[in-house]
């Protein structure tokens, strides 16, 4: 769904994007661990905000045995 050049995803679309189950997305919602908004009874996600959230979640993780910090 496109809205003013911002892609908005529903739970099913987000689960496909993140390659995880719908129940995992619901658990993240209920635990307030993922950014979302509601319209009626629908949970929706702004893709650009989700991408920033992912970056923040993994910002301090060592990737490939190298730490992201410059020493």
C-alpha atoms as a PDB file:
ATOM      1  CA  UNK A   1       0.000   0.000   0.000  1.00  0.00           C
ATOM      2  CA  UNK A   2       1.530   3.349  -1.004  1.00  0.00           C
ATOM      3  CA  UNK A   3       0.712   6.569   0.828  1.00  0.00           C
ATOM      4  CA  UNK A   4       2.605   9.821   0.068  1.00  0.00           C
ATOM      5  CA  UNK A   5       5.787   7.917  -0.918  1.00  0.00           C
ATOM      6  CA  UNK A   6       5.760   6.089   2.423  1.00  0.00           C
ATOM      7  CA  UNK A   7       5.083   2.395   2.342  1.00  0.00           C
ATOM      8  CA  UNK A   8       2.671   1.157   4.994  1.00  0.00           C
ATOM      9  CA  UNK A   9       2.587  -2.559   5.757  1.00  0.00           C
ATOM     10  CA  UNK A  10       0.072  -4.702   7.591  1.00  0.00           C
ATOM     11  CA  UNK A  11       1.123  -7.583   9.857  1.00  0.00           C
ATOM     12  CA  UNK A  12       1.160 -10.171   7.084  1.00  0.00           C
ATOM     13  CA  UNK A  13       3.233  -7.965   4.776  1.00  0.00           C
ATOM     14  CA  UNK A  14       5.663  -7.124   7.591  1.00  0.00           C
ATOM     15  CA  UNK A  15       6.087 -10.795   8.493  1.00  0.00           C
ATOM     16  CA  UNK A  16       6.991 -11.510   4.857  1.00  0.00           C
ATOM     17  CA  UNK A  17       9.393  -8.551   4.783  1.00  0.00           C
ATOM     18  CA  UNK A  18      11.115  -9.615   8.022  1.00  0.00           C
ATOM     19  CA  UNK A  19      10.903 -13.358   7.229  1.00  0.00           C
ATOM     20  CA  UNK A  20       9.306 -14.171  10.556  1.00  0.00           C
ATOM     21  CA  UNK A  21       5.951 -15.456  11.732  1.00  0.00           C
ATOM     22  CA  UNK A  22       2.840 -13.367  12.226  1.00  0.00           C
ATOM     23  CA  UNK A  23       2.734 -14.559  15.847  1.00  0.00           C
ATOM     24  CA  UNK A  24       6.264 -13.176  16.388  1.00  0.00           C
ATOM     25  CA  UNK A  25       5.107  -9.775  15.045  1.00  0.00           C
ATOM     26  CA  UNK A  26       2.073  -9.878  17.352  1.00  0.00           C
ATOM     27  CA  UNK A  27       4.310 -10.678  20.341  1.00  0.00           C
ATOM     28  CA  UNK A  28       6.544  -7.704  19.466  1.00  0.00           C
ATOM     29  CA  UNK A  29       3.423  -5.494  19.300  1.00  0.00           C
ATOM     30  CA  UNK A  30       2.014  -6.714  22.613  1.00  0.00           C
ATOM     31  CA  UNK A  31       5.394  -6.223  24.301  1.00  0.00           C
ATOM     32  CA  UNK A  32       5.739  -2.717  22.757  1.00  0.00           C
ATOM     33  CA  UNK A  33       9.034  -3.725  21.158  1.00  0.00           C
ATOM     34  CA  UNK A  34       8.238  -2.678  17.580  1.00  0.00           C
ATOM     35  CA  UNK A  35       6.990   0.679  16.271  1.00  0.00           C
ATOM     36  CA  UNK A  36       3.412   0.492  14.964  1.00  0.00           C
ATOM     37  CA  UNK A  37       0.193   2.436  14.747  1.00  0.00           C
ATOM     38  CA  UNK A  38      -3.443   1.419  14.681  1.00  0.00           C
ATOM     39  CA  UNK A  39      -6.359   2.346  12.521  1.00  0.00           C
ATOM     40  CA  UNK A  40      -9.427   0.719  13.981  1.00  0.00           C
ATOM     41  CA  UNK A  41      -8.438  -2.834  14.825  1.00  0.00           C
ATOM     42  CA  UNK A  42      -5.632  -2.996  12.228  1.00  0.00           C
ATOM     43  CA  UNK A  43      -1.976  -2.820  13.220  1.00  0.00           C
ATOM     44  CA  UNK A  44       0.089  -0.987  10.611  1.00  0.00           C
ATOM     45  CA  UNK A  45       3.798  -0.296  10.170  1.00  0.00           C
ATOM     46  CA  UNK A  46       5.678   2.464   8.365  1.00  0.00           C
ATOM     47  CA  UNK A  47       8.450   0.689   6.439  1.00  0.00           C
ATOM     48  CA  UNK A  48      10.996   3.504   6.799  1.00  0.00           C
ATOM     49  CA  UNK A  49      10.472   3.535  10.590  1.00  0.00           C
ATOM     50  CA  UNK A  50      10.792  -0.264  10.704  1.00  0.00           C
ATOM     51  CA  UNK A  51      14.073  -0.053   8.777  1.00  0.00           C
ATOM     52  CA  UNK A  52      15.403   2.491  11.303  1.00  0.00           C
ATOM     53  CA  UNK A  53      14.185   0.278  14.164  1.00  0.00           C
ATOM     54  CA  UNK A  54      16.068  -2.704  12.688  1.00  0.00           C
ATOM     55  CA  UNK A  55      19.232  -0.623  12.366  1.00  0.00           C
ATOM     56  CA  UNK A  56      18.937   0.527  15.981  1.00  0.00           C
ATOM     57  CA  UNK A  57      18.292  -3.031  17.203  1.00  0.00           C
ATOM     58  CA  UNK A  58      21.471  -4.341  15.603  1.00  0.00           C
ATOM     59  CA  UNK A  59      23.679  -1.255  15.823  1.00  0.00           C
ATOM     60  CA  UNK A  60      25.880  -2.667  18.595  1.00  0.00           C
ATOM     61  CA  UNK A  61      26.022  -6.287  17.435  1.00  0.00           C
ATOM     62  CA  UNK A  62      29.311  -7.684  16.231  1.00  0.00           C
ATOM     63  CA  UNK A  63      28.994  -8.803  12.620  1.00  0.00           C
ATOM     64  CA  UNK A  64      31.419 -11.330  11.181  1.00  0.00           C
ATOM     65  CA  UNK A  65      33.555 -11.194  14.292  1.00  0.00           C
ATOM     66  CA  UNK A  66      34.277  -7.475  13.934  1.00  0.00           C
ATOM     67  CA  UNK A  67      32.947  -4.866  16.305  1.00  0.00           C
ATOM     68  CA  UNK A  68      31.288  -1.816  14.666  1.00  0.00           C
ATOM     69  CA  UNK A  69      33.310   0.535  16.881  1.00  0.00           C
ATOM     70  CA  UNK A  70      36.392   2.143  15.405  1.00  0.00           C
ATOM     71  CA  UNK A  71      39.341   1.780  17.746  1.00  0.00           C
END
